[in-house]
């Protein structure tokens, strides 16, 4: 909801124009974007990747007088998070119980002194 509030402020600069029932053309300065509310898609690609409506989509949703919450992917809903953690998180054993890895032994990187005089560590 916080991210939607931030994006909503930016969407005020967009100019939406309805094309068909689900398609809306949104202009932002000199650039045009096509928002398809039916399949939750925008030509900028942000909504397709993240599941959260972009500024163009929010402008189109407001223009169509629809609820923004209906267009956010169900992955972000509280009920989905509760379902994911309903059975709890399994316990993990410590590193001493891990099996040894096969192959080469991995050693830590050798640190070298950086050139120049070292900085003084001052207490405050």
PDB file of N, CA and C in Angstrom:
ATOM      1  N   UNK A   1       0.819  -1.196   0.000  1.00  0.00           N
ATOM      2  CA  UNK A   1       0.000   0.000   0.000  1.00  0.00           C
ATOM      3  C   UNK A   1       0.867   1.266   0.000  1.00  0.00           C
ATOM      4  N   UNK A   2       2.019   1.203   0.696  1.00  0.00           N
ATOM      5  CA  UNK A   2       2.911   2.362   0.721  1.00  0.00           C
ATOM      6  C   UNK A   2       3.463   2.639  -0.673  1.00  0.00           C
ATOM      7  N   UNK A   3       3.849   1.562  -1.375  1.00  0.00           N
ATOM      8  CA  UNK A   3       4.392   1.738  -2.721  1.00  0.00           C
ATOM      9  C   UNK A   3       3.316   2.257  -3.672  1.00  0.00           C
ATOM     10  N   UNK A   4       2.090   1.777  -3.504  1.00  0.00           N
ATOM     11  CA  UNK A   4       0.991   2.261  -4.336  1.00  0.00           C
ATOM     12  C   UNK A   4       0.722   3.739  -4.091  1.00  0.00           C
ATOM     13  N   UNK A   5       0.854   4.171  -2.851  1.00  0.00           N
ATOM     14  CA  UNK A   5       0.631   5.585  -2.528  1.00  0.00           C
ATOM     15  C   UNK A   5       1.680   6.472  -3.202  1.00  0.00           C
ATOM     16  N   UNK A   6       2.920   6.003  -3.239  1.00  0.00           N
ATOM     17  CA  UNK A   6       3.990   6.769  -3.886  1.00  0.00           C
ATOM     18  C   UNK A   6       3.752   6.837  -5.390  1.00  0.00           C
ATOM     19  N   UNK A   7       3.393   5.695  -5.979  1.00  0.00           N
ATOM     20  CA  UNK A   7       3.157   5.635  -7.422  1.00  0.00           C
ATOM     21  C   UNK A   7       1.917   6.440  -7.787  1.00  0.00           C
ATOM     22  N   UNK A   8       0.934   6.474  -6.894  1.00  0.00           N
ATOM     23  CA  UNK A   8      -0.308   7.202  -7.159  1.00  0.00           C
ATOM     24  C   UNK A   8      -0.045   8.697  -7.316  1.00  0.00           C
ATOM     25  N   UNK A   9       0.875   9.239  -6.522  1.00  0.00           N
ATOM     26  CA  UNK A   9       1.209  10.668  -6.641  1.00  0.00           C
ATOM     27  C   UNK A   9       1.805  10.971  -8.012  1.00  0.00           C
ATOM     28  N   UNK A  10       2.657  10.054  -8.506  1.00  0.00           N
ATOM     29  CA  UNK A  10       3.292  10.256  -9.806  1.00  0.00           C
ATOM     30  C   UNK A  10       2.299  10.087 -10.951  1.00  0.00           C
ATOM     31  N   UNK A  11       1.246   9.290 -10.728  1.00  0.00           N
ATOM     32  CA  UNK A  11       0.290   9.014 -11.804  1.00  0.00           C
ATOM     33  C   UNK A  11      -0.607  10.214 -12.110  1.00  0.00           C
ATOM     34  N   UNK A  12      -0.589  11.227 -11.266  1.00  0.00           N
ATOM     35  CA  UNK A  12      -1.409  12.428 -11.490  1.00  0.00           C
ATOM     36  C   UNK A  12      -0.949  13.204 -12.729  1.00  0.00           C
ATOM     37  N   UNK A  13       0.310  12.978 -13.154  1.00  0.00           N
ATOM     38  CA  UNK A  13       0.842  13.674 -14.327  1.00  0.00           C
ATOM     39  C   UNK A  13       0.422  13.011 -15.634  1.00  0.00           C
ATOM     40  N   UNK A  14      -0.163  11.815 -15.553  1.00  0.00           N
ATOM     41  CA  UNK A  14      -0.552  11.077 -16.752  1.00  0.00           C
ATOM     42  C   UNK A  14      -1.920  11.539 -17.250  1.00  0.00           C
ATOM     43  N   UNK A  15      -2.113  11.430 -18.567  1.00  0.00           N
ATOM     44  CA  UNK A  15      -3.397  11.790 -19.177  1.00  0.00           C
ATOM     45  C   UNK A  15      -3.976  10.536 -19.833  1.00  0.00           C
ATOM     46  N   UNK A  16      -5.007   9.924 -19.221  1.00  0.00           N
ATOM     47  CA  UNK A  16      -5.582   8.704 -19.795  1.00  0.00           C
ATOM     48  C   UNK A  16      -6.688   9.013 -20.808  1.00  0.00           C
ATOM     49  N   UNK A  17      -6.791   8.160 -21.826  1.00  0.00           N
ATOM     50  CA  UNK A  17      -7.865   8.249 -22.819  1.00  0.00           C
ATOM     51  C   UNK A  17      -8.361   6.843 -23.076  1.00  0.00           C
ATOM     52  N   UNK A  18      -9.633   6.588 -22.792  1.00  0.00           N
ATOM     53  CA  UNK A  18     -10.202   5.252 -22.977  1.00  0.00           C
ATOM     54  C   UNK A  18     -10.298   4.927 -24.456  1.00  0.00           C
ATOM     55  N   UNK A  19      -9.949   3.694 -24.809  1.00  0.00           N
ATOM     56  CA  UNK A  19     -10.018   3.246 -26.197  1.00  0.00           C
ATOM     57  C   UNK A  19     -11.157   2.247 -26.358  1.00  0.00           C
ATOM     58  N   UNK A  20     -11.083   1.137 -25.649  1.00  0.00           N
ATOM     59  CA  UNK A  20     -12.161   0.140 -25.617  1.00  0.00           C
ATOM     60  C   UNK A  20     -12.478  -0.146 -24.161  1.00  0.00           C
ATOM     61  N   UNK A  21     -13.221  -1.218 -23.910  1.00  0.00           N
ATOM     62  CA  UNK A  21     -13.588  -1.541 -22.526  1.00  0.00           C
ATOM     63  C   UNK A  21     -12.367  -1.738 -21.629  1.00  0.00           C
ATOM     64  N   UNK A  22     -11.370  -2.475 -22.131  1.00  0.00           N
ATOM     65  CA  UNK A  22     -10.208  -2.792 -21.302  1.00  0.00           C
ATOM     66  C   UNK A  22      -8.960  -2.004 -21.662  1.00  0.00           C
ATOM     67  N   UNK A  23      -8.887  -1.441 -22.845  1.00  0.00           N
ATOM     68  CA  UNK A  23      -7.689  -0.734 -23.277  1.00  0.00           C
ATOM     69  C   UNK A  23      -7.798   0.764 -22.996  1.00  0.00           C
ATOM     70  N   UNK A  24      -6.713   1.316 -22.456  1.00  0.00           N
ATOM     71  CA  UNK A  24      -6.647   2.747 -22.162  1.00  0.00           C
ATOM     72  C   UNK A  24      -5.294   3.253 -22.650  1.00  0.00           C
ATOM     73  N   UNK A  25      -5.305   4.340 -23.405  1.00  0.00           N
ATOM     74  CA  UNK A  25      -4.057   4.981 -23.823  1.00  0.00           C
ATOM     75  C   UNK A  25      -3.717   6.029 -22.779  1.00  0.00           C
ATOM     76  N   UNK A  26      -2.487   5.956 -22.286  1.00  0.00           N
ATOM     77  CA  UNK A  26      -2.039   6.883 -21.249  1.00  0.00           C
ATOM     78  C   UNK A  26      -0.850   7.652 -21.796  1.00  0.00           C
ATOM     79  N   UNK A  27      -0.918   8.974 -21.737  1.00  0.00           N
ATOM     80  CA  UNK A  27       0.165   9.840 -22.198  1.00  0.00           C
ATOM     81  C   UNK A  27       0.882  10.422 -20.990  1.00  0.00           C
ATOM     82  N   UNK A  28       2.200  10.338 -21.035  1.00  0.00           N
ATOM     83  CA  UNK A  28       3.046  10.947 -20.012  1.00  0.00           C
ATOM     84  C   UNK A  28       4.064  11.790 -20.757  1.00  0.00           C
ATOM     85  N   UNK A  29       3.901  13.091 -20.687  1.00  0.00           N
ATOM     86  CA  UNK A  29       4.676  14.058 -21.463  1.00  0.00           C
ATOM     87  C   UNK A  29       4.483  13.750 -22.946  1.00  0.00           C
ATOM     88  N   UNK A  30       5.507  13.335 -23.666  1.00  0.00           N
ATOM     89  CA  UNK A  30       5.348  13.080 -25.096  1.00  0.00           C
ATOM     90  C   UNK A  30       5.299  11.591 -25.418  1.00  0.00           C
ATOM     91  N   UNK A  31       5.305  10.743 -24.397  1.00  0.00           N
ATOM     92  CA  UNK A  31       5.330   9.299 -24.598  1.00  0.00           C
ATOM     93  C   UNK A  31       3.954   8.704 -24.328  1.00  0.00           C
ATOM     94  N   UNK A  32       3.545   7.758 -25.169  1.00  0.00           N
ATOM     95  CA  UNK A  32       2.262   7.094 -24.990  1.00  0.00           C
ATOM     96  C   UNK A  32       2.447   5.644 -24.563  1.00  0.00           C
ATOM     97  N   UNK A  33       1.562   5.165 -23.714  1.00  0.00           N
ATOM     98  CA  UNK A  33       1.579   3.785 -23.234  1.00  0.00           C
ATOM     99  C   UNK A  33       0.178   3.219 -23.386  1.00  0.00           C
ATOM    100  N   UNK A  34       0.102   1.916 -23.633  1.00  0.00           N
ATOM    101  CA  UNK A  34      -1.192   1.243 -23.742  1.00  0.00           C
ATOM    102  C   UNK A  34      -1.341   0.344 -22.529  1.00  0.00           C
ATOM    103  N   UNK A  35      -2.421   0.543 -21.784  1.00  0.00           N
ATOM    104  CA  UNK A  35      -2.708  -0.245 -20.596  1.00  0.00           C
ATOM    105  C   UNK A  35      -3.898  -1.133 -20.896  1.00  0.00           C
ATOM    106  N   UNK A  36      -3.736  -2.439 -20.666  1.00  0.00           N
ATOM    107  CA  UNK A  36      -4.822  -3.396 -20.837  1.00  0.00           C
ATOM    108  C   UNK A  36      -5.263  -3.847 -19.452  1.00  0.00           C
ATOM    109  N   UNK A  37      -6.392  -3.342 -18.996  1.00  0.00           N
ATOM    110  CA  UNK A  37      -6.893  -3.669 -17.657  1.00  0.00           C
ATOM    111  C   UNK A  37      -7.421  -5.097 -17.583  1.00  0.00           C
ATOM    112  N   UNK A  38      -7.764  -5.688 -18.715  1.00  0.00           N
ATOM    113  CA  UNK A  38      -8.287  -7.049 -18.733  1.00  0.00           C
ATOM    114  C   UNK A  38      -7.243  -8.090 -18.377  1.00  0.00           C
ATOM    115  N   UNK A  39      -6.025  -7.902 -18.903  1.00  0.00           N
ATOM    116  CA  UNK A  39      -4.966  -8.881 -18.630  1.00  0.00           C
ATOM    117  C   UNK A  39      -3.882  -8.323 -17.707  1.00  0.00           C
ATOM    118  N   UNK A  40      -4.142  -7.171 -17.105  1.00  0.00           N
ATOM    119  CA  UNK A  40      -3.222  -6.534 -16.158  1.00  0.00           C
ATOM    120  C   UNK A  40      -1.850  -6.349 -16.796  1.00  0.00           C
ATOM    121  N   UNK A  41      -1.801  -5.559 -17.859  1.00  0.00           N
ATOM    122  CA  UNK A  41      -0.573  -5.377 -18.607  1.00  0.00           C
ATOM    123  C   UNK A  41      -0.422  -3.919 -19.044  1.00  0.00           C
ATOM    124  N   UNK A  42       0.829  -3.463 -19.120  1.00  0.00           N
ATOM    125  CA  UNK A  42       1.162  -2.130 -19.617  1.00  0.00           C
ATOM    126  C   UNK A  42       2.361  -2.272 -20.535  1.00  0.00           C
ATOM    127  N   UNK A  43       2.442  -1.426 -21.549  1.00  0.00           N
ATOM    128  CA  UNK A  43       3.546  -1.526 -22.497  1.00  0.00           C
ATOM    129  C   UNK A  43       4.891  -1.121 -21.892  1.00  0.00           C
ATOM    130  N   UNK A  44       4.906  -0.460 -20.742  1.00  0.00           N
ATOM    131  CA  UNK A  44       6.180  -0.145 -20.093  1.00  0.00           C
ATOM    132  C   UNK A  44       6.810  -1.400 -19.491  1.00  0.00           C
ATOM    133  N   UNK A  45       6.000  -2.412 -19.187  1.00  0.00           N
ATOM    134  CA  UNK A  45       6.504  -3.689 -18.700  1.00  0.00           C
ATOM    135  C   UNK A  45       6.608  -3.823 -17.193  1.00  0.00           C
ATOM    136  N   UNK A  46       6.511  -2.727 -16.448  1.00  0.00           N
ATOM    137  CA  UNK A  46       6.672  -2.794 -14.990  1.00  0.00           C
ATOM    138  C   UNK A  46       5.569  -3.619 -14.335  1.00  0.00           C
ATOM    139  N   UNK A  47       4.328  -3.388 -14.752  1.00  0.00           N
ATOM    140  CA  UNK A  47       3.194  -4.095 -14.160  1.00  0.00           C
ATOM    141  C   UNK A  47       3.284  -5.584 -14.456  1.00  0.00           C
ATOM    142  N   UNK A  48       3.732  -5.945 -15.659  1.00  0.00           N
ATOM    143  CA  UNK A  48       3.852  -7.348 -16.040  1.00  0.00           C
ATOM    144  C   UNK A  48       4.882  -8.069 -15.176  1.00  0.00           C
ATOM    145  N   UNK A  49       5.977  -7.386 -14.860  1.00  0.00           N
ATOM    146  CA  UNK A  49       7.055  -8.019 -14.106  1.00  0.00           C
ATOM    147  C   UNK A  49       6.814  -8.054 -12.607  1.00  0.00           C
ATOM    148  N   UNK A  50       6.287  -6.973 -12.055  1.00  0.00           N
ATOM    149  CA  UNK A  50       6.195  -6.872 -10.601  1.00  0.00           C
ATOM    150  C   UNK A  50       4.846  -7.303 -10.032  1.00  0.00           C
ATOM    151  N   UNK A  51       3.787  -7.174 -10.799  1.00  0.00           N
ATOM    152  CA  UNK A  51       2.458  -7.474 -10.275  1.00  0.00           C
ATOM    153  C   UNK A  51       1.821  -6.290  -9.574  1.00  0.00           C
ATOM    154  N   UNK A  52       2.566  -5.187  -9.482  1.00  0.00           N
ATOM    155  CA  UNK A  52       2.053  -3.954  -8.879  1.00  0.00           C
ATOM    156  C   UNK A  52       1.801  -2.966 -10.014  1.00  0.00           C
ATOM    157  N   UNK A  53       0.630  -2.355 -10.082  1.00  0.00           N
ATOM    158  CA  UNK A  53       0.343  -1.420 -11.176  1.00  0.00           C
ATOM    159  C   UNK A  53       1.341  -0.265 -11.239  1.00  0.00           C
ATOM    160  N   UNK A  54       1.769   0.056 -12.464  1.00  0.00           N
ATOM    161  CA  UNK A  54       2.691   1.168 -12.684  1.00  0.00           C
ATOM    162  C   UNK A  54       1.905   2.488 -12.682  1.00  0.00           C
ATOM    163  N   UNK A  55       2.602   3.599 -12.891  1.00  0.00           N
ATOM    164  CA  UNK A  55       1.917   4.896 -12.862  1.00  0.00           C
ATOM    165  C   UNK A  55       0.906   5.005 -13.989  1.00  0.00           C
ATOM    166  N   UNK A  56       1.185   4.390 -15.131  1.00  0.00           N
ATOM    167  CA  UNK A  56       0.251   4.437 -16.260  1.00  0.00           C
ATOM    168  C   UNK A  56      -1.011   3.636 -15.938  1.00  0.00           C
ATOM    169  N   UNK A  57      -0.806   2.467 -15.328  1.00  0.00           N
ATOM    170  CA  UNK A  57      -1.939   1.612 -14.967  1.00  0.00           C
ATOM    171  C   UNK A  57      -2.804   2.266 -13.892  1.00  0.00           C
ATOM    172  N   UNK A  58      -2.170   2.897 -12.907  1.00  0.00           N
ATOM    173  CA  UNK A  58      -2.943   3.576 -11.855  1.00  0.00           C
ATOM    174  C   UNK A  58      -3.769   4.712 -12.434  1.00  0.00           C
ATOM    175  N   UNK A  59      -3.211   5.416 -13.409  1.00  0.00           N
ATOM    176  CA  UNK A  59      -3.955   6.481 -14.062  1.00  0.00           C
ATOM    177  C   UNK A  59      -5.152   5.911 -14.822  1.00  0.00           C
ATOM    178  N   UNK A  60      -4.957   4.778 -15.498  1.00  0.00           N
ATOM    179  CA  UNK A  60      -6.046   4.133 -16.243  1.00  0.00           C
ATOM    180  C   UNK A  60      -7.109   3.579 -15.308  1.00  0.00           C
ATOM    181  N   UNK A  61      -6.695   3.017 -14.178  1.00  0.00           N
ATOM    182  CA  UNK A  61      -7.641   2.464 -13.199  1.00  0.00           C
ATOM    183  C   UNK A  61      -8.482   3.581 -12.600  1.00  0.00           C
ATOM    184  N   UNK A  62      -7.852   4.690 -12.257  1.00  0.00           N
ATOM    185  CA  UNK A  62      -8.593   5.829 -11.707  1.00  0.00           C
ATOM    186  C   UNK A  62      -9.546   6.405 -12.744  1.00  0.00           C
ATOM    187  N   UNK A  63      -9.121   6.451 -14.001  1.00  0.00           N
ATOM    188  CA  UNK A  63      -9.965   6.963 -15.075  1.00  0.00           C
ATOM    189  C   UNK A  63     -11.206   6.076 -15.272  1.00  0.00           C
ATOM    190  N   UNK A  64     -11.019   4.757 -15.092  1.00  0.00           N
ATOM    191  CA  UNK A  64     -12.125   3.807 -15.252  1.00  0.00           C
ATOM    192  C   UNK A  64     -12.971   3.679 -13.991  1.00  0.00           C
ATOM    193  N   UNK A  65     -12.583   4.382 -12.934  1.00  0.00           N
ATOM    194  CA  UNK A  65     -13.283   4.366 -11.639  1.00  0.00           C
ATOM    195  C   UNK A  65     -13.391   2.949 -11.058  1.00  0.00           C
ATOM    196  N   UNK A  66     -12.251   2.261 -11.037  1.00  0.00           N
ATOM    197  CA  UNK A  66     -12.165   0.913 -10.489  1.00  0.00           C
ATOM    198  C   UNK A  66     -11.294   0.950  -9.241  1.00  0.00           C
ATOM    199  N   UNK A  67     -11.296  -0.140  -8.474  1.00  0.00           N
ATOM    200  CA  UNK A  67     -10.513  -0.229  -7.238  1.00  0.00           C
ATOM    201  C   UNK A  67      -9.114  -0.751  -7.546  1.00  0.00           C
ATOM    202  N   UNK A  68      -8.105  -0.072  -7.043  1.00  0.00           N
ATOM    203  CA  UNK A  68      -6.711  -0.441  -7.292  1.00  0.00           C
ATOM    204  C   UNK A  68      -6.398  -1.807  -6.696  1.00  0.00           C
ATOM    205  N   UNK A  69      -6.974  -2.134  -5.552  1.00  0.00           N
ATOM    206  CA  UNK A  69      -6.680  -3.388  -4.872  1.00  0.00           C
ATOM    207  C   UNK A  69      -7.024  -4.598  -5.732  1.00  0.00           C
ATOM    208  N   UNK A  70      -7.980  -4.445  -6.646  1.00  0.00           N
ATOM    209  CA  UNK A  70      -8.371  -5.550  -7.515  1.00  0.00           C
ATOM    210  C   UNK A  70      -7.327  -5.838  -8.592  1.00  0.00           C
ATOM    211  N   UNK A  71      -6.381  -4.935  -8.792  1.00  0.00           N
ATOM    212  CA  UNK A  71      -5.402  -5.077  -9.858  1.00  0.00           C
ATOM    213  C   UNK A  71      -4.003  -5.405  -9.355  1.00  0.00           C
ATOM    214  N   UNK A  72      -3.833  -5.548  -8.045  1.00  0.00           N
ATOM    215  CA  UNK A  72      -2.547  -5.952  -7.472  1.00  0.00           C
ATOM    216  C   UNK A  72      -2.511  -7.479  -7.456  1.00  0.00           C
ATOM    217  N   UNK A  73      -1.383  -8.058  -7.823  1.00  0.00           N
ATOM    218  CA  UNK A  73      -1.251  -9.515  -7.876  1.00  0.00           C
ATOM    219  C   UNK A  73      -1.541 -10.117  -6.503  1.00  0.00           C
ATOM    220  N   UNK A  74      -2.175 -11.291  -6.498  1.00  0.00           N
ATOM    221  CA  UNK A  74      -2.574 -11.918  -5.223  1.00  0.00           C
ATOM    222  C   UNK A  74      -1.371 -12.293  -4.370  1.00  0.00           C
ATOM    223  N   UNK A  75      -0.188 -12.333  -4.953  1.00  0.00           N
ATOM    224  CA  UNK A  75       1.041 -12.622  -4.216  1.00  0.00           C
ATOM    225  C   UNK A  75       1.263 -11.615  -3.093  1.00  0.00           C
ATOM    226  N   UNK A  76       0.820 -10.392  -3.268  1.00  0.00           N
ATOM    227  CA  UNK A  76       1.044  -9.336  -2.274  1.00  0.00           C
ATOM    228  C   UNK A  76      -0.060  -9.250  -1.225  1.00  0.00           C
ATOM    229  N   UNK A  77      -1.087 -10.052  -1.337  1.00  0.00           N
ATOM    230  CA  UNK A  77      -2.184  -9.989  -0.376  1.00  0.00           C
ATOM    231  C   UNK A  77      -1.775 -10.626   0.947  1.00  0.00           C
ATOM    232  N   UNK A  78      -2.308 -10.129   2.028  1.00  0.00           N
ATOM    233  CA  UNK A  78      -1.990 -10.634   3.360  1.00  0.00           C
ATOM    234  C   UNK A  78      -2.430 -12.091   3.494  1.00  0.00           C
ATOM    235  N   UNK A  79      -3.544 -12.443   2.887  1.00  0.00           N
ATOM    236  CA  UNK A  79      -4.029 -13.826   2.986  1.00  0.00           C
ATOM    237  C   UNK A  79      -3.040 -14.814   2.368  1.00  0.00           C
ATOM    238  N   UNK A  80      -2.346 -14.424   1.306  1.00  0.00           N
ATOM    239  CA  UNK A  80      -1.358 -15.295   0.676  1.00  0.00           C
ATOM    240  C   UNK A  80      -0.163 -15.502   1.589  1.00  0.00           C
ATOM    241  N   UNK A  81       0.289 -14.458   2.253  1.00  0.00           N
ATOM    242  CA  UNK A  81       1.414 -14.567   3.183  1.00  0.00           C
ATOM    243  C   UNK A  81       1.031 -15.449   4.368  1.00  0.00           C
ATOM    244  N   UNK A  82      -0.162 -15.281   4.863  1.00  0.00           N
ATOM    245  CA  UNK A  82      -0.611 -16.115   5.983  1.00  0.00           C
ATOM    246  C   UNK A  82      -0.692 -17.587   5.583  1.00  0.00           C
ATOM    247  N   UNK A  83      -1.151 -17.850   4.357  1.00  0.00           N
ATOM    248  CA  UNK A  83      -1.215 -19.227   3.862  1.00  0.00           C
ATOM    249  C   UNK A  83       0.176 -19.832   3.737  1.00  0.00           C
ATOM    250  N   UNK A  84       1.133 -19.029   3.298  1.00  0.00           N
ATOM    251  CA  UNK A  84       2.498 -19.517   3.099  1.00  0.00           C
ATOM    252  C   UNK A  84       3.148 -19.922   4.418  1.00  0.00           C
ATOM    253  N   UNK A  85       2.860 -19.186   5.484  1.00  0.00           N
ATOM    254  CA  UNK A  85       3.480 -19.455   6.776  1.00  0.00           C
ATOM    255  C   UNK A  85       2.535 -20.136   7.759  1.00  0.00           C
ATOM    256  N   UNK A  86       1.429 -20.671   7.288  1.00  0.00           N
ATOM    257  CA  UNK A  86       0.443 -21.300   8.177  1.00  0.00           C
ATOM    258  C   UNK A  86       1.016 -22.519   8.899  1.00  0.00           C
ATOM    259  N   UNK A  87       1.859 -23.283   8.221  1.00  0.00           N
ATOM    260  CA  UNK A  87       2.406 -24.492   8.834  1.00  0.00           C
ATOM    261  C   UNK A  87       3.707 -24.230   9.575  1.00  0.00           C
ATOM    262  N   UNK A  88       4.168 -23.004   9.588  1.00  0.00           N
ATOM    263  CA  UNK A  88       5.386 -22.654  10.294  1.00  0.00           C
ATOM    264  C   UNK A  88       6.615 -22.811   9.421  1.00  0.00           C
ATOM    265  N   UNK A  89       7.741 -22.394   9.965  1.00  0.00           N
ATOM    266  CA  UNK A  89       9.012 -22.490   9.265  1.00  0.00           C
ATOM    267  C   UNK A  89       9.779 -23.653   9.872  1.00  0.00           C
ATOM    268  N   UNK A  90      10.301 -24.579   9.037  1.00  0.00           N
ATOM    269  CA  UNK A  90      11.005 -25.733   9.594  1.00  0.00           C
ATOM    270  C   UNK A  90      12.307 -25.319  10.282  1.00  0.00           C
ATOM    271  N   UNK A  91      12.704 -26.104  11.287  1.00  0.00           N
ATOM    272  CA  UNK A  91      13.942 -25.836  12.017  1.00  0.00           C
ATOM    273  C   UNK A  91      15.140 -26.243  11.171  1.00  0.00           C
ATOM    274  N   UNK A  92      16.242 -25.549  11.355  1.00  0.00           N
ATOM    275  CA  UNK A  92      17.467 -25.852  10.623  1.00  0.00           C
ATOM    276  C   UNK A  92      18.540 -26.313  11.584  1.00  0.00           C
ATOM    277  N   UNK A  93      19.381 -27.252  11.116  1.00  0.00           N
ATOM    278  CA  UNK A  93      20.493 -27.716  11.940  1.00  0.00           C
ATOM    279  C   UNK A  93      21.680 -26.799  11.715  1.00  0.00           C
ATOM    280  N   UNK A  94      22.632 -26.833  12.627  1.00  0.00           N
ATOM    281  CA  UNK A  94      23.810 -25.978  12.525  1.00  0.00           C
ATOM    282  C   UNK A  94      24.766 -26.452  11.447  1.00  0.00           C
ATOM    283  N   UNK A  95      25.772 -25.637  11.151  1.00  0.00           N
ATOM    284  CA  UNK A  95      26.720 -25.938  10.076  1.00  0.00           C
ATOM    285  C   UNK A  95      27.569 -27.165  10.371  1.00  0.00           C
ATOM    286  N   UNK A  96      27.694 -27.564  11.643  1.00  0.00           N
ATOM    287  CA  UNK A  96      28.485 -28.745  11.978  1.00  0.00           C
ATOM    288  C   UNK A  96      27.828 -30.032  11.453  1.00  0.00           C
ATOM    289  N   UNK A  97      26.528 -29.998  11.167  1.00  0.00           N
ATOM    290  CA  UNK A  97      25.822 -31.178  10.670  1.00  0.00           C
ATOM    291  C   UNK A  97      25.724 -31.204   9.145  1.00  0.00           C
ATOM    292  N   UNK A  98      26.245 -30.201   8.482  1.00  0.00           N
ATOM    293  CA  UNK A  98      26.184 -30.150   7.024  1.00  0.00           C
ATOM    294  C   UNK A  98      27.168 -31.155   6.432  1.00  0.00           C
ATOM    295  N   UNK A  99      26.821 -31.767   5.308  1.00  0.00           N
ATOM    296  CA  UNK A  99      27.783 -32.691   4.676  1.00  0.00           C
ATOM    297  C   UNK A  99      28.934 -31.903   4.047  1.00  0.00           C
ATOM    298  N   UNK A 100      30.108 -32.533   3.986  1.00  0.00           N
ATOM    299  CA  UNK A 100      31.267 -31.873   3.387  1.00  0.00           C
ATOM    300  C   UNK A 100      31.079 -31.780   1.876  1.00  0.00           C
ATOM    301  N   UNK A 101      31.476 -30.673   1.316  1.00  0.00           N
ATOM    302  CA  UNK A 101      31.368 -30.477  -0.121  1.00  0.00           C
ATOM    303  C   UNK A 101      32.497 -31.220  -0.826  1.00  0.00           C
ATOM    304  N   UNK A 102      32.186 -31.779  -1.989  1.00  0.00           N
ATOM    305  CA  UNK A 102      33.194 -32.488  -2.767  1.00  0.00           C
ATOM    306  C   UNK A 102      33.916 -31.500  -3.675  1.00  0.00           C
ATOM    307  N   UNK A 103      35.148 -31.818  -4.007  1.00  0.00           N
ATOM    308  CA  UNK A 103      35.891 -30.948  -4.908  1.00  0.00           C
ATOM    309  C   UNK A 103      37.016 -30.246  -4.188  1.00  0.00           C
ATOM    310  N   UNK A 104      37.360 -29.084  -4.670  1.00  0.00           N
ATOM    311  CA  UNK A 104      38.479 -28.323  -4.133  1.00  0.00           C
ATOM    312  C   UNK A 104      38.102 -27.670  -2.812  1.00  0.00           C
ATOM    313  N   UNK A 105      39.129 -27.532  -1.967  1.00  0.00           N
ATOM    314  CA  UNK A 105      38.943 -26.809  -0.714  1.00  0.00           C
ATOM    315  C   UNK A 105      38.889 -25.320  -1.012  1.00  0.00           C
ATOM    316  N   UNK A 106      37.983 -24.621  -0.409  1.00  0.00           N
ATOM    317  CA  UNK A 106      37.839 -23.188  -0.638  1.00  0.00           C
ATOM    318  C   UNK A 106      38.490 -22.451   0.522  1.00  0.00           C
ATOM    319  N   UNK A 107      39.432 -21.590   0.189  1.00  0.00           N
ATOM    320  CA  UNK A 107      40.135 -20.805   1.198  1.00  0.00           C
ATOM    321  C   UNK A 107      39.650 -19.369   1.127  1.00  0.00           C
ATOM    322  N   UNK A 108      39.734 -18.628   2.247  1.00  0.00           N
ATOM    323  CA  UNK A 108      39.335 -17.219   2.201  1.00  0.00           C
ATOM    324  C   UNK A 108      40.299 -16.413   1.335  1.00  0.00           C
ATOM    325  N   UNK A 109      39.796 -15.339   0.801  1.00  0.00           N
ATOM    326  CA  UNK A 109      40.590 -14.477  -0.055  1.00  0.00           C
ATOM    327  C   UNK A 109      41.712 -13.827   0.753  1.00  0.00           C
ATOM    328  N   UNK A 110      42.883 -13.734   0.132  1.00  0.00           N
ATOM    329  CA  UNK A 110      44.021 -13.121   0.811  1.00  0.00           C
ATOM    330  C   UNK A 110      43.817 -11.617   0.781  1.00  0.00           C
ATOM    331  N   UNK A 111      43.862 -11.012   1.973  1.00  0.00           N
ATOM    332  CA  UNK A 111      43.690  -9.561   2.046  1.00  0.00           C
ATOM    333  C   UNK A 111      45.051  -8.901   1.984  1.00  0.00           C
ATOM    334  N   UNK A 112      45.112  -7.804   1.280  1.00  0.00           N
ATOM    335  CA  UNK A 112      46.358  -7.073   1.201  1.00  0.00           C
ATOM    336  C   UNK A 112      46.129  -5.646   1.675  1.00  0.00           C
ATOM    337  N   UNK A 113      47.181  -5.043   2.153  1.00  0.00           N
ATOM    338  CA  UNK A 113      47.083  -3.673   2.657  1.00  0.00           C
ATOM    339  C   UNK A 113      46.874  -2.729   1.477  1.00  0.00           C
ATOM    340  N   UNK A 114      45.954  -1.827   1.616  1.00  0.00           N
ATOM    341  CA  UNK A 114      45.671  -0.855   0.565  1.00  0.00           C
ATOM    342  C   UNK A 114      46.765   0.216   0.566  1.00  0.00           C
ATOM    343  N   UNK A 115      47.075   0.778  -0.597  1.00  0.00           N
ATOM    344  CA  UNK A 115      48.129   1.794  -0.655  1.00  0.00           C
ATOM    345  C   UNK A 115      47.726   3.063   0.088  1.00  0.00           C
ATOM    346  N   UNK A 116      48.713   3.759   0.581  1.00  0.00           N
ATOM    347  CA  UNK A 116      48.450   5.007   1.279  1.00  0.00           C
ATOM    348  C   UNK A 116      48.456   4.819   2.784  1.00  0.00           C
ATOM    349  N   UNK A 117      48.388   5.917   3.459  1.00  0.00           N
ATOM    350  CA  UNK A 117      48.378   5.881   4.910  1.00  0.00           C
ATOM    351  C   UNK A 117      47.019   5.443   5.415  1.00  0.00           C
ATOM    352  N   UNK A 118      46.959   4.552   6.406  1.00  0.00           N
ATOM    353  CA  UNK A 118      45.662   4.104   6.911  1.00  0.00           C
ATOM    354  C   UNK A 118      44.936   5.213   7.663  1.00  0.00           C
ATOM    355  N   UNK A 119      43.616   5.186   7.606  1.00  0.00           N
ATOM    356  CA  UNK A 119      42.804   6.186   8.295  1.00  0.00           C
ATOM    357  C   UNK A 119      42.869   5.968   9.802  1.00  0.00           C
ATOM    358  N   UNK A 120      42.786   7.059  10.561  1.00  0.00           N
ATOM    359  CA  UNK A 120      42.757   6.947  12.012  1.00  0.00           C
ATOM    360  C   UNK A 120      41.350   6.613  12.463  1.00  0.00           C
ATOM    361  N   UNK A 121      41.238   5.708  13.393  1.00  0.00           N
ATOM    362  CA  UNK A 121      39.934   5.379  13.955  1.00  0.00           C
ATOM    363  C   UNK A 121      39.743   6.245  15.178  1.00  0.00           C
ATOM    364  N   UNK A 122      38.893   7.220  15.060  1.00  0.00           N
ATOM    365  CA  UNK A 122      38.661   8.170  16.150  1.00  0.00           C
ATOM    366  C   UNK A 122      37.408   7.808  16.893  1.00  0.00           C
ATOM    367  N   UNK A 123      37.476   7.829  18.199  1.00  0.00           N
ATOM    368  CA  UNK A 123      36.280   7.573  19.004  1.00  0.00           C
ATOM    369  C   UNK A 123      35.558   8.884  19.254  1.00  0.00           C
ATOM    370  N   UNK A 124      34.270   8.793  19.317  1.00  0.00           N
ATOM    371  CA  UNK A 124      33.479  10.023  19.508  1.00  0.00           C
ATOM    372  C   UNK A 124      32.840  10.073  20.846  1.00  0.00           C
TER     373      UNK A 124
END
